[in-house]
Amino acid sequence: MDVERAIEHLLELHARAEARMDRAETRMDKAEARMVRTDRQIAGIQKLVKTGMKVIVRIEAAQARTDAKIDRLAELWLKRPPNGHAKR
């Protein structure tokens, strides 16, 4: 009788351990799915940042051209006589 009870106890412990293992595997599967999703999101954010940096570089170049044009215009404007007539 004691042997049967010991075997039953061991079987019960084994069954509980298997149930715990199944729950752990389920949690692990969910965690892996979250990691895959997070990795895709990170890759998307990296692409957005790269694209944004390229746009910023283009804007800076356009701003430099605009600044040069404004400087030239101001230079020409300042060379004009104040009354609008050309010097004789």
Protein backbone atom coordinates (compact mmCIF):
# COMPACT_ATOMS: atom_id res chain seq x y z
CA MET A 1 0.00 0.00 0.00
CA ASP A 2 2.76 2.47 0.83
CA VAL A 3 4.42 1.79 -2.50
CA GLU A 4 1.16 2.46 -4.34
CA ARG A 5 0.71 5.75 -2.49
CA ALA A 6 4.29 6.73 -3.20
CA ILE A 7 3.80 5.97 -6.88
CA GLU A 8 0.54 7.93 -6.94
CA HIS A 9 2.28 10.84 -5.23
CA LEU A 10 5.12 10.75 -7.78
CA LEU A 11 2.64 10.60 -10.65
CA GLU A 12 0.76 13.55 -9.19
CA LEU A 13 4.00 15.54 -8.85
CA HIS A 14 4.92 14.65 -12.41
CA ALA A 15 1.50 15.74 -13.68
CA ARG A 16 1.81 19.10 -11.88
CA ALA A 17 5.32 19.59 -13.24
CA GLU A 18 4.07 18.91 -16.77
CA ALA A 19 1.22 21.38 -16.30
CA ARG A 20 3.72 24.01 -15.10
CA MET A 21 5.93 23.28 -18.08
CA ASP A 22 2.99 23.65 -20.48
CA ARG A 23 2.11 27.03 -18.94
CA ALA A 24 5.74 28.11 -19.15
CA GLU A 25 5.89 27.10 -22.83
CA THR A 26 2.71 29.06 -23.52
CA ARG A 27 4.19 32.15 -21.83
CA MET A 28 7.40 31.69 -23.80
CA ASP A 29 5.50 31.46 -27.09
CA LYS A 30 3.65 34.67 -26.27
CA ALA A 31 6.90 36.40 -25.30
CA GLU A 32 8.52 35.33 -28.58
CA ALA A 33 5.55 36.68 -30.54
CA ARG A 34 5.86 40.01 -28.68
CA MET A 35 9.59 40.11 -29.44
CA VAL A 36 8.98 39.53 -33.15
CA ARG A 37 6.39 42.31 -33.19
CA THR A 38 8.71 44.64 -31.26
CA ASP A 39 11.59 43.88 -33.63
CA ARG A 40 9.39 44.80 -36.61
CA GLN A 41 8.36 48.02 -34.89
CA ILE A 42 11.98 48.92 -34.14
CA ALA A 43 12.93 48.27 -37.78
CA GLY A 44 10.08 50.55 -38.90
CA ILE A 45 11.17 53.29 -36.52
CA GLN A 46 14.75 52.99 -37.79
CA LYS A 47 13.52 53.48 -41.36
CA LEU A 48 11.52 56.53 -40.29
CA VAL A 49 14.54 58.05 -38.54
CA LYS A 50 16.78 57.46 -41.58
CA THR A 51 14.20 59.01 -43.88
CA GLY A 52 13.78 61.94 -41.52
CA MET A 53 17.51 62.52 -41.41
CA LYS A 54 17.67 62.56 -45.22
CA VAL A 55 14.86 65.12 -45.30
CA ILE A 56 16.67 67.26 -42.75
CA VAL A 57 19.85 67.19 -44.87
CA ARG A 58 17.85 68.30 -47.93
CA ILE A 59 16.15 71.06 -45.94
CA GLU A 60 19.51 72.27 -44.65
CA ALA A 61 20.89 72.40 -48.19
CA ALA A 62 17.82 74.30 -49.40
CA GLN A 63 18.13 76.67 -46.45
CA ALA A 64 21.78 77.34 -47.31
CA ARG A 65 20.80 78.19 -50.91
CA THR A 66 18.01 80.46 -49.67
CA ASP A 67 20.38 82.19 -47.24
CA ALA A 68 22.87 82.81 -50.06
CA LYS A 69 20.12 84.33 -52.24
CA ILE A 70 18.93 86.56 -49.42
CA ASP A 71 22.50 87.68 -48.72
CA ARG A 72 22.97 88.53 -52.41
CA LEU A 73 19.65 90.40 -52.51
CA ALA A 74 20.54 92.37 -49.38
CA GLU A 75 23.92 93.18 -50.87
CA LEU A 76 22.31 94.50 -54.06
CA TRP A 77 19.70 96.41 -52.11
CA LEU A 78 22.30 98.10 -49.94
CA LYS A 79 24.33 99.18 -53.01
CA ARG A 80 21.35 101.10 -54.42
CA PRO A 81 21.25 104.82 -53.82
CA PRO A 82 18.67 105.77 -51.18
CA ASN A 83 16.54 107.92 -53.51
CA GLY A 84 16.20 105.22 -56.15
CA HIS A 85 18.07 107.15 -58.85
CA ALA A 86 21.28 105.96 -60.38
CA LYS A 87 24.47 107.94 -59.78
CA ARG A 88 25.60 110.18 -62.65
